[in-house]
C-alpha atoms as a PDB file:
ATOM      1  CA  MET A   1     -11.905  20.825  -9.398  1.00  0.00           C
ATOM      2  CA  ARG A   2     -13.977  18.992  -7.807  1.00  0.00           C
ATOM      3  CA  ALA A   3     -13.275  16.872  -4.619  1.00  0.00           C
ATOM      4  CA  ALA A   4     -15.336  14.382  -2.936  1.00  0.00           C
ATOM      5  CA  ASP A   5     -15.281  13.740   1.170  1.00  0.00           C
ATOM      6  CA  VAL A   6     -15.470   9.497   0.848  1.00  0.00           C
ATOM      7  CA  ASN A   7     -14.116   6.113   2.807  1.00  0.00           C
ATOM      8  CA  GLY A   8     -12.717   8.370   4.761  1.00  0.00           C
ATOM      9  CA  VAL A   9     -10.284   9.653   2.502  1.00  0.00           C
ATOM     10  CA  ARG A  10     -10.568  13.526   0.523  1.00  0.00           C
ATOM     11  CA  LEU A  11     -10.193  12.048  -3.715  1.00  0.00           C
ATOM     12  CA  HIS A  12      -9.907  14.588  -6.219  1.00  0.00           C
ATOM     13  CA  TRP A  13     -12.310  13.598  -9.509  1.00  0.00           C
ATOM     14  CA  ARG A  14     -13.317  14.914 -13.014  1.00  0.00           C
ATOM     15  CA  GLU A  15     -16.297  14.774 -15.024  1.00  0.00           C
ATOM     16  CA  ASP A  16     -16.055  15.500 -18.810  1.00  0.00           C
ATOM     17  CA  GLY A  17     -19.294  14.914 -21.390  1.00  0.00           C
ATOM     18  CA  ASP A  18     -22.866  14.840 -21.209  1.00  0.00           C
ATOM     19  CA  PRO A  19     -23.862  14.535 -17.598  1.00  0.00           C
ATOM     20  CA  GLU A  20     -26.825  12.021 -18.464  1.00  0.00           C
ATOM     21  CA  GLY A  21     -24.995  10.171 -20.851  1.00  0.00           C
ATOM     22  CA  ALA A  22     -23.754   6.626 -20.215  1.00  0.00           C
ATOM     23  CA  PRO A  23     -21.420   6.515 -17.469  1.00  0.00           C
ATOM     24  CA  VAL A  24     -17.311   5.803 -18.246  1.00  0.00           C
ATOM     25  CA  VAL A  25     -15.273   5.589 -15.463  1.00  0.00           C
ATOM     26  CA  PHE A  26     -11.552   5.681 -15.596  1.00  0.00           C
ATOM     27  CA  ALA A  27      -8.216   4.534 -13.042  1.00  0.00           C
ATOM     28  CA  ASN A  28      -5.166   5.244 -13.803  1.00  0.00           C
ATOM     29  CA  SER A  29      -2.290   3.570 -12.853  1.00  0.00           C
ATOM     30  CA  LEU A  30       0.437   3.536 -10.130  1.00  0.00           C
ATOM     31  CA  GLY A  31       2.990   6.867  -9.952  1.00  0.00           C
ATOM     32  CA  THR A  32       0.408   8.391 -12.419  1.00  0.00           C
ATOM     33  CA  ASP A  33      -3.100  10.872 -11.897  1.00  0.00           C
ATOM     34  CA  LEU A  34      -6.339  11.222 -14.020  1.00  0.00           C
ATOM     35  CA  ARG A  35      -4.286  13.010 -17.159  1.00  0.00           C
ATOM     36  CA  LEU A  36      -3.290  10.001 -17.638  1.00  0.00           C
ATOM     37  CA  TRP A  37      -6.121  10.018 -20.006  1.00  0.00           C
ATOM     38  CA  ASP A  38      -5.900  13.696 -21.301  1.00  0.00           C
ATOM     39  CA  ALA A  39      -4.937  12.335 -24.839  1.00  0.00           C
ATOM     40  CA  VAL A  40      -7.478   9.413 -25.272  1.00  0.00           C
ATOM     41  CA  LEU A  41     -10.606  11.555 -23.937  1.00  0.00           C
ATOM     42  CA  PRO A  42     -10.956  13.239 -27.634  1.00  0.00           C
ATOM     43  CA  HIS A  43     -11.501  10.637 -29.380  1.00  0.00           C
ATOM     44  CA  LEU A  44     -14.059   8.454 -27.985  1.00  0.00           C
ATOM     45  CA  PRO A  45     -17.748   8.436 -29.004  1.00  0.00           C
ATOM     46  CA  ALA A  46     -19.542  11.819 -27.854  1.00  0.00           C
ATOM     47  CA  GLY A  47     -22.519  11.460 -25.024  1.00  0.00           C
ATOM     48  CA  LEU A  48     -20.998   9.678 -22.584  1.00  0.00           C
ATOM     49  CA  ARG A  49     -20.188  10.767 -19.359  1.00  0.00           C
ATOM     50  CA  ILE A  50     -16.613  10.655 -18.460  1.00  0.00           C
ATOM     51  CA  ILE A  51     -15.505   9.622 -14.835  1.00  0.00           C
ATOM     52  CA  ARG A  52     -11.849  10.358 -13.062  1.00  0.00           C
ATOM     53  CA  TYR A  53     -10.543  10.470 -10.267  1.00  0.00           C
ATOM     54  CA  ASP A  54      -7.295  10.316  -8.196  1.00  0.00           C
ATOM     55  CA  LYS A  55      -7.019   7.549  -6.388  1.00  0.00           C
ATOM     56  CA  ARG A  56      -5.536   7.992  -2.188  1.00  0.00           C
ATOM     57  CA  GLY A  57      -2.043   8.672  -2.124  1.00  0.00           C
ATOM     58  CA  HIS A  58      -1.987  10.489  -5.938  1.00  0.00           C
ATOM     59  CA  GLY A  59      -2.472  13.530  -7.143  1.00  0.00           C
ATOM     60  CA  LEU A  60      -4.720  16.381  -6.187  1.00  0.00           C
ATOM     61  CA  SER A  61      -5.910  13.558  -4.081  1.00  0.00           C
ATOM     62  CA  GLU A  62      -5.250  12.898  -0.048  1.00  0.00           C
ATOM     63  CA  ALA A  63      -2.139  11.165   0.825  1.00  0.00           C
ATOM     64  CA  PRO A  64      -2.990   9.148   4.200  1.00  0.00           C
ATOM     65  CA  PRO A  65      -0.082   7.310   5.733  1.00  0.00           C
ATOM     66  CA  ALA A  66       1.093   4.047   4.335  1.00  0.00           C
ATOM     67  CA  PRO A  67       0.186   1.378   3.626  1.00  0.00           C
ATOM     68  CA  TYR A  68      -2.904   1.750   1.587  1.00  0.00           C
ATOM     69  CA  ALA A  69      -5.048  -2.242   1.061  1.00  0.00           C
ATOM     70  CA  MET A  70      -6.431  -3.013  -2.229  1.00  0.00           C
ATOM     71  CA  GLY A  71      -9.897  -3.654  -0.455  1.00  0.00           C
ATOM     72  CA  GLN A  72      -9.335   0.098   0.935  1.00  0.00           C
ATOM     73  CA  LEU A  73      -8.990   1.246  -2.493  1.00  0.00           C
ATOM     74  CA  VAL A  74     -12.025  -0.659  -3.487  1.00  0.00           C
ATOM     75  CA  SER A  75     -14.379   0.775  -1.453  1.00  0.00           C
ATOM     76  CA  ASP A  76     -12.793   4.121  -2.077  1.00  0.00           C
ATOM     77  CA  ALA A  77     -14.303   3.911  -5.864  1.00  0.00           C
ATOM     78  CA  GLU A  78     -17.029   2.623  -4.778  1.00  0.00           C
ATOM     79  CA  ALA A  79     -18.131   5.445  -2.391  1.00  0.00           C
ATOM     80  CA  LEU A  80     -16.903   7.705  -5.124  1.00  0.00           C
ATOM     81  CA  LEU A  81     -19.645   6.752  -7.617  1.00  0.00           C
ATOM     82  CA  ASP A  82     -21.829   5.790  -4.829  1.00  0.00           C
ATOM     83  CA  HIS A  83     -22.048   9.671  -3.684  1.00  0.00           C
ATOM     84  CA  LEU A  84     -21.793  10.339  -8.119  1.00  0.00           C
ATOM     85  CA  GLY A  85     -25.071   8.954  -8.683  1.00  0.00           C
ATOM     86  CA  VAL A  86     -23.378   6.176 -10.779  1.00  0.00           C
ATOM     87  CA  ARG A  87     -24.581   2.273 -11.850  1.00  0.00           C
ATOM     88  CA  ASN A  88     -24.354   0.148 -14.809  1.00  0.00           C
ATOM     89  CA  CYS A  89     -21.319   1.566 -15.398  1.00  0.00           C
ATOM     90  CA  VAL A  90     -17.860   0.601 -18.139  1.00  0.00           C
ATOM     91  CA  PHE A  91     -15.258   0.797 -15.947  1.00  0.00           C
ATOM     92  CA  VAL A  92     -11.748   1.238 -17.706  1.00  0.00           C
ATOM     93  CA  GLY A  93      -8.807   0.681 -15.129  1.00  0.00           C
ATOM     94  CA  LEU A  94      -5.239   0.754 -15.970  1.00  0.00           C
ATOM     95  CA  SER A  95      -2.060  -1.699 -14.198  1.00  0.00           C
ATOM     96  CA  ILE A  96      -3.882  -1.250 -10.545  1.00  0.00           C
ATOM     97  CA  GLY A  97      -6.711   0.545 -11.196  1.00  0.00           C
ATOM     98  CA  GLY A  98      -7.273  -2.813 -13.560  1.00  0.00           C
ATOM     99  CA  MET A  99      -7.304  -4.289  -9.883  1.00  0.00           C
ATOM    100  CA  ILE A 100      -9.679  -1.938  -8.262  1.00  0.00           C
ATOM    101  CA  ALA A 101     -11.316  -2.536 -11.677  1.00  0.00           C
ATOM    102  CA  GLN A 102     -11.939  -6.484 -10.539  1.00  0.00           C
ATOM    103  CA  GLY A 103     -12.321  -5.906  -7.265  1.00  0.00           C
ATOM    104  CA  LEU A 104     -14.946  -3.611  -7.330  1.00  0.00           C
ATOM    105  CA  ALA A 105     -17.142  -5.481 -10.119  1.00  0.00           C
ATOM    106  CA  VAL A 106     -17.282  -8.294  -7.289  1.00  0.00           C
ATOM    107  CA  LYS A 107     -18.015  -6.479  -4.974  1.00  0.00           C
ATOM    108  CA  ARG A 108     -20.810  -4.375  -6.864  1.00  0.00           C
ATOM    109  CA  MET A 109     -22.689  -5.541  -9.629  1.00  0.00           C
ATOM    110  CA  ASP A 110     -24.859  -2.968 -10.037  1.00  0.00           C
ATOM    111  CA  GLN A 111     -22.062  -0.493 -10.304  1.00  0.00           C
ATOM    112  CA  ILE A 112     -20.638  -1.488 -13.319  1.00  0.00           C
ATOM    113  CA  ARG A 113     -21.698  -3.226 -16.464  1.00  0.00           C
ATOM    114  CA  ALA A 114     -18.265  -4.177 -18.341  1.00  0.00           C
ATOM    115  CA  VAL A 115     -14.823  -3.947 -17.393  1.00  0.00           C
ATOM    116  CA  VAL A 116     -12.179  -2.904 -19.040  1.00  0.00           C
ATOM    117  CA  LEU A 117      -8.768  -3.755 -17.978  1.00  0.00           C
ATOM    118  CA  SER A 118      -5.774  -2.537 -18.989  1.00  0.00           C
ATOM    119  CA  ASN A 119      -1.976  -3.362 -18.786  1.00  0.00           C
ATOM    120  CA  THR A 120      -3.051  -5.598 -15.345  1.00  0.00           C
ATOM    121  CA  ALA A 121      -3.384  -8.701 -13.780  1.00  0.00           C
ATOM    122  CA  ALA A 122      -4.653 -10.494 -10.757  1.00  0.00           C
ATOM    123  CA  LYS A 123      -1.672 -10.849  -9.567  1.00  0.00           C
ATOM    124  CA  ILE A 124       1.361  -8.208 -10.563  1.00  0.00           C
ATOM    125  CA  GLY A 125       4.660  -9.465  -9.453  1.00  0.00           C
ATOM    126  CA  THR A 126       6.237 -10.951  -5.882  1.00  0.00           C
ATOM    127  CA  LYS A 127       5.793  -9.461  -2.092  1.00  0.00           C
ATOM    128  CA  GLU A 128       9.791  -9.311  -2.270  1.00  0.00           C
ATOM    129  CA  MET A 129      10.133  -7.160  -5.315  1.00  0.00           C
ATOM    130  CA  TRP A 130       7.545  -4.543  -3.918  1.00  0.00           C
ATOM    131  CA  GLU A 131       9.029  -4.127  -0.475  1.00  0.00           C
ATOM    132  CA  ASP A 132      12.234  -3.447  -2.615  1.00  0.00           C
ATOM    133  CA  ARG A 133      10.504  -0.480  -4.250  1.00  0.00           C
ATOM    134  CA  ILE A 134       8.622   0.551  -0.821  1.00  0.00           C
ATOM    135  CA  ALA A 135      12.108   0.186   0.807  1.00  0.00           C
ATOM    136  CA  THR A 136      13.338   3.144  -2.129  1.00  0.00           C
ATOM    137  CA  VAL A 137      11.049   5.212  -1.901  1.00  0.00           C
ATOM    138  CA  ARG A 138      11.314   5.370   1.988  1.00  0.00           C
ATOM    139  CA  ALA A 139      15.034   5.815   1.549  1.00  0.00           C
ATOM    140  CA  GLN A 140      15.370   7.690  -2.049  1.00  0.00           C
ATOM    141  CA  GLY A 141      11.976   8.790  -2.605  1.00  0.00           C
ATOM    142  CA  ILE A 142      10.273   8.435  -5.865  1.00  0.00           C
ATOM    143  CA  GLU A 143      13.384  10.029  -8.023  1.00  0.00           C
ATOM    144  CA  GLY A 144      15.437   6.501  -6.661  1.00  0.00           C
ATOM    145  CA  LEU A 145      13.757   4.607  -9.578  1.00  0.00           C
ATOM    146  CA  ALA A 146      12.243   6.481 -11.109  1.00  0.00           C
ATOM    147  CA  ASP A 147      14.552   5.864 -14.304  1.00  0.00           C
ATOM    148  CA  PRO A 148      13.809   2.112 -14.480  1.00  0.00           C
ATOM    149  CA  VAL A 149       9.869   3.085 -14.174  1.00  0.00           C
ATOM    150  CA  MET A 150       9.820   4.857 -17.159  1.00  0.00           C
ATOM    151  CA  GLU A 151      11.830   1.595 -18.987  1.00  0.00           C
ATOM    152  CA  ARG A 152       8.368  -0.608 -17.916  1.00  0.00           C
ATOM    153  CA  TRP A 153       6.314   2.867 -18.572  1.00  0.00           C
ATOM    154  CA  PHE A 154       7.396   3.533 -22.073  1.00  0.00           C
ATOM    155  CA  SER A 155       8.611   1.930 -25.216  1.00  0.00           C
ATOM    156  CA  ALA A 156      12.341   2.624 -26.625  1.00  0.00           C
ATOM    157  CA  ALA A 157      11.110   5.265 -29.123  1.00  0.00           C
ATOM    158  CA  PHE A 158       8.897   6.697 -27.036  1.00  0.00           C
ATOM    159  CA  ARG A 159      11.543   7.891 -24.372  1.00  0.00           C
ATOM    160  CA  ALA A 160      13.548   9.272 -26.843  1.00  0.00           C
ATOM    161  CA  THR A 161      11.092  12.291 -27.136  1.00  0.00           C
ATOM    162  CA  PRO A 162      10.802  15.436 -24.665  1.00  0.00           C
ATOM    163  CA  GLU A 163       7.542  14.151 -23.788  1.00  0.00           C
ATOM    164  CA  LEU A 164       9.005  11.526 -21.051  1.00  0.00           C
ATOM    165  CA  ALA A 165      10.093  14.251 -19.356  1.00  0.00           C
ATOM    166  CA  LEU A 166       6.233  15.236 -18.400  1.00  0.00           C
ATOM    167  CA  TRP A 167       5.781  11.189 -17.889  1.00  0.00           C
ATOM    168  CA  ARG A 168       8.887  11.622 -15.028  1.00  0.00           C
ATOM    169  CA  ASN A 169       7.407  14.753 -13.551  1.00  0.00           C
ATOM    170  CA  MET A 170       4.887  13.198 -13.039  1.00  0.00           C
ATOM    171  CA  LEU A 171       5.618  10.220 -11.477  1.00  0.00           C
ATOM    172  CA  VAL A 172       8.105  11.604  -9.177  1.00  0.00           C
ATOM    173  CA  ARG A 173       5.712  14.484  -7.662  1.00  0.00           C
ATOM    174  CA  GLN A 174       3.493  12.032  -6.238  1.00  0.00           C
ATOM    175  CA  PRO A 175       3.050  12.075  -2.538  1.00  0.00           C
ATOM    176  CA  ALA A 176       6.027   9.153  -1.034  1.00  0.00           C
ATOM    177  CA  ASP A 177       3.403   7.681   1.115  1.00  0.00           C
ATOM    178  CA  GLY A 178       0.790   7.782  -2.155  1.00  0.00           C
ATOM    179  CA  TYR A 179       3.104   5.424  -4.235  1.00  0.00           C
ATOM    180  CA  ALA A 180       4.115   3.730  -0.926  1.00  0.00           C
ATOM    181  CA  GLY A 181       1.191   2.391   0.218  1.00  0.00           C
ATOM    182  CA  CYS A 182      -0.284   1.553  -3.167  1.00  0.00           C
ATOM    183  CA  SER A 183       2.516  -0.592  -3.714  1.00  0.00           C
ATOM    184  CA  ALA A 184       1.733  -2.308  -0.469  1.00  0.00           C
ATOM    185  CA  ALA A 185      -1.683  -2.517  -1.739  1.00  0.00           C
ATOM    186  CA  ILE A 186      -0.972  -4.005  -4.587  1.00  0.00           C
ATOM    187  CA  SER A 187       1.267  -6.368  -3.158  1.00  0.00           C
ATOM    188  CA  GLY A 188      -0.657  -7.731  -0.789  1.00  0.00           C
ATOM    189  CA  THR A 189      -3.043  -8.475  -3.417  1.00  0.00           C
ATOM    190  CA  ASP A 190      -4.325 -12.061  -5.463  1.00  0.00           C
ATOM    191  CA  LEU A 191      -8.212 -11.780  -7.185  1.00  0.00           C
ATOM    192  CA  TYR A 192      -6.841 -15.083  -9.541  1.00  0.00           C
ATOM    193  CA  THR A 193     -10.070 -16.770  -7.212  1.00  0.00           C
ATOM    194  CA  PRO A 194     -12.394 -13.553  -7.312  1.00  0.00           C
ATOM    195  CA  THR A 195     -11.663 -12.818 -10.997  1.00  0.00           C
ATOM    196  CA  SER A 196     -12.864 -15.989 -11.962  1.00  0.00           C
ATOM    197  CA  GLY A 197     -15.428 -15.823 -10.815  1.00  0.00           C
ATOM    198  CA  LEU A 198     -16.309 -12.331 -13.317  1.00  0.00           C
ATOM    199  CA  ARG A 199     -19.356 -12.863 -15.518  1.00  0.00           C
ATOM    200  CA  LEU A 200     -19.434  -9.662 -16.869  1.00  0.00           C
ATOM    201  CA  PRO A 201     -18.518  -8.732 -20.891  1.00  0.00           C
ATOM    202  CA  THR A 202     -14.230  -7.856 -19.928  1.00  0.00           C
ATOM    203  CA  LEU A 203     -11.713  -6.019 -22.560  1.00  0.00           C
ATOM    204  CA  GLY A 204      -8.141  -6.482 -21.978  1.00  0.00           C
ATOM    205  CA  ILE A 205      -5.472  -4.647 -22.834  1.00  0.00           C
ATOM    206  CA  ALA A 206      -1.657  -4.647 -23.209  1.00  0.00           C
ATOM    207  CA  GLY A 207       0.823  -3.207 -24.719  1.00  0.00           C
ATOM    208  CA  ASP A 208       4.043  -5.071 -26.170  1.00  0.00           C
ATOM    209  CA  ALA A 209       6.378  -3.464 -24.845  1.00  0.00           C
ATOM    210  CA  ASP A 210       4.979  -3.436 -21.780  1.00  0.00           C
ATOM    211  CA  GLY A 211       7.450  -3.760 -18.825  1.00  0.00           C
ATOM    212  CA  SER A 212       5.076  -3.954 -15.598  1.00  0.00           C
ATOM    213  CA  THR A 213       2.322  -6.474 -16.785  1.00  0.00           C
ATOM    214  CA  PRO A 214       3.517  -7.937 -19.988  1.00  0.00           C
ATOM    215  CA  PRO A 215       0.915  -9.451 -22.663  1.00  0.00           C
ATOM    216  CA  ASP A 216       0.748 -13.204 -21.656  1.00  0.00           C
ATOM    217  CA  LEU A 217       0.530 -11.662 -18.037  1.00  0.00           C
ATOM    218  CA  VAL A 218      -2.485  -9.210 -19.096  1.00  0.00           C
ATOM    219  CA  ARG A 219      -3.492 -12.465 -21.182  1.00  0.00           C
ATOM    220  CA  GLU A 220      -3.400 -15.125 -18.203  1.00  0.00           C
ATOM    221  CA  THR A 221      -5.926 -13.002 -16.425  1.00  0.00           C
ATOM    222  CA  LEU A 222      -8.146 -12.520 -18.412  1.00  0.00           C
ATOM    223  CA  GLU A 223      -8.782 -16.499 -19.456  1.00  0.00           C
ATOM    224  CA  LEU A 224     -10.353 -16.445 -15.994  1.00  0.00           C
ATOM    225  CA  ILE A 225     -13.214 -14.320 -17.944  1.00  0.00           C
ATOM    226  CA  PRO A 226     -15.027 -16.559 -19.733  1.00  0.00           C
ATOM    227  CA  GLY A 227     -15.596 -14.841 -23.002  1.00  0.00           C
ATOM    228  CA  ALA A 228     -12.986 -11.848 -22.342  1.00  0.00           C
ATOM    229  CA  GLU A 229     -11.583 -10.509 -24.940  1.00  0.00           C
ATOM    230  CA  PHE A 230      -8.151  -9.359 -25.791  1.00  0.00           C
ATOM    231  CA  ARG A 231      -6.283  -6.871 -27.888  1.00  0.00           C
ATOM    232  CA  LEU A 232      -2.477  -5.793 -28.170  1.00  0.00           C
ATOM    233  CA  ILE A 233      -1.416  -2.295 -28.486  1.00  0.00           C
ATOM    234  CA  ARG A 234       2.293  -2.799 -30.904  1.00  0.00           C
ATOM    235  CA  GLY A 235       5.088  -0.127 -30.653  1.00  0.00           C
ATOM    236  CA  ALA A 236       3.206   0.657 -26.899  1.00  0.00           C
ATOM    237  CA  GLY A 237       4.185   0.161 -23.235  1.00  0.00           C
ATOM    238  CA  HIS A 238       2.567   0.681 -20.059  1.00  0.00           C
ATOM    239  CA  LEU A 239       0.706   3.322 -20.670  1.00  0.00           C
ATOM    240  CA  PRO A 240      -0.828   2.719 -23.930  1.00  0.00           C
ATOM    241  CA  CYS A 241      -3.332   5.247 -23.867  1.00  0.00           C
ATOM    242  CA  VAL A 242      -0.149   7.949 -24.000  1.00  0.00           C
ATOM    243  CA  GLU A 243       1.542   6.445 -26.818  1.00  0.00           C
ATOM    244  CA  LYS A 244      -1.577   5.002 -29.478  1.00  0.00           C
ATOM    245  CA  PRO A 245      -3.647   6.956 -27.713  1.00  0.00           C
ATOM    246  CA  ARG A 246      -5.486   7.497 -31.107  1.00  0.00           C
ATOM    247  CA  GLU A 247      -5.645   3.585 -31.483  1.00  0.00           C
ATOM    248  CA  TYR A 248      -6.357   3.145 -28.083  1.00  0.00           C
ATOM    249  CA  ALA A 249      -9.960   5.356 -27.836  1.00  0.00           C
ATOM    250  CA  GLU A 250     -10.622   3.123 -31.551  1.00  0.00           C
ATOM    251  CA  ILE A 251     -10.186  -0.074 -29.789  1.00  0.00           C
ATOM    252  CA  LEU A 252     -12.349   1.268 -26.144  1.00  0.00           C
ATOM    253  CA  ALA A 253     -15.178   3.343 -28.597  1.00  0.00           C
ATOM    254  CA  GLU A 254     -15.371  -0.302 -30.267  1.00  0.00           C
ATOM    255  CA  PHE A 255     -15.892  -2.360 -26.940  1.00  0.00           C
ATOM    256  CA  LEU A 256     -18.163   0.436 -25.933  1.00  0.00           C
ATOM    257  CA  ARG A 257     -20.324  -0.320 -29.277  1.00  0.00           C
ATOM    258  CA  ARG A 258     -20.077  -3.584 -28.840  1.00  0.00           C
ATOM    259  CA  VAL A 259     -22.130  -3.805 -25.284  1.00  0.00           C
ATOM    260  CA  GLY A 260     -24.476  -1.352 -26.145  1.00  0.00           C
ATOM    261  CA  HIS A 261     -23.201   1.597 -24.041  1.00  0.00           C
ATOM    262  CA  VAL A 262     -22.812   4.095 -26.990  1.00  0.00           C
END
């Protein structure tokens, strides 16, 4: 386990693969930590420098008092990549991680040469929806919204497996400030205008059973970026990297080859 003090917060990060390889950076979703990608990594091509991190308020990273702003989350990622000397990476972001990817691609073209926007959008939900979720977390803890979240995260088939309990445990064990803080960041974010100015290789991934960012919402964001590709994973919800890790890795590896990253 490694930690870096960047942008006024201590972030937990991990590096796998070849330290001299082409960098691929993964940013996880609201309510998960960097283990989100565990099942995908073994299926990726050899020779990559794979970097994962827990955003502020999640996993083993510090959880400052809520609320957070999307600009802070983007600056956290920017500072971490500077700390690690990362340039010209492919940045893979899921859900809020995909919003961070959009913001960082606009801000630091030297850091990012291509993006994967997985189960995400330029704008997710409404201010009122996020305010309700934040109020629930403040009153009842994350446990108060855990079951509805599982329904949005996973297909019915996956919810019938014993593994569901592990992901539910991951969610409810996140710091309440972290969940509420990142919820506030999503609530205040509308990236339609900046994302429409992006001109870099872009892959979008959606799950056909996603209750948080349905395929049409993902596709709508991709249509802002000329030449962006879209792939749909069937039988998966908001976290297709968990439900269909081999298929997810194959789609990602194909994109990496197409942009000359492997």
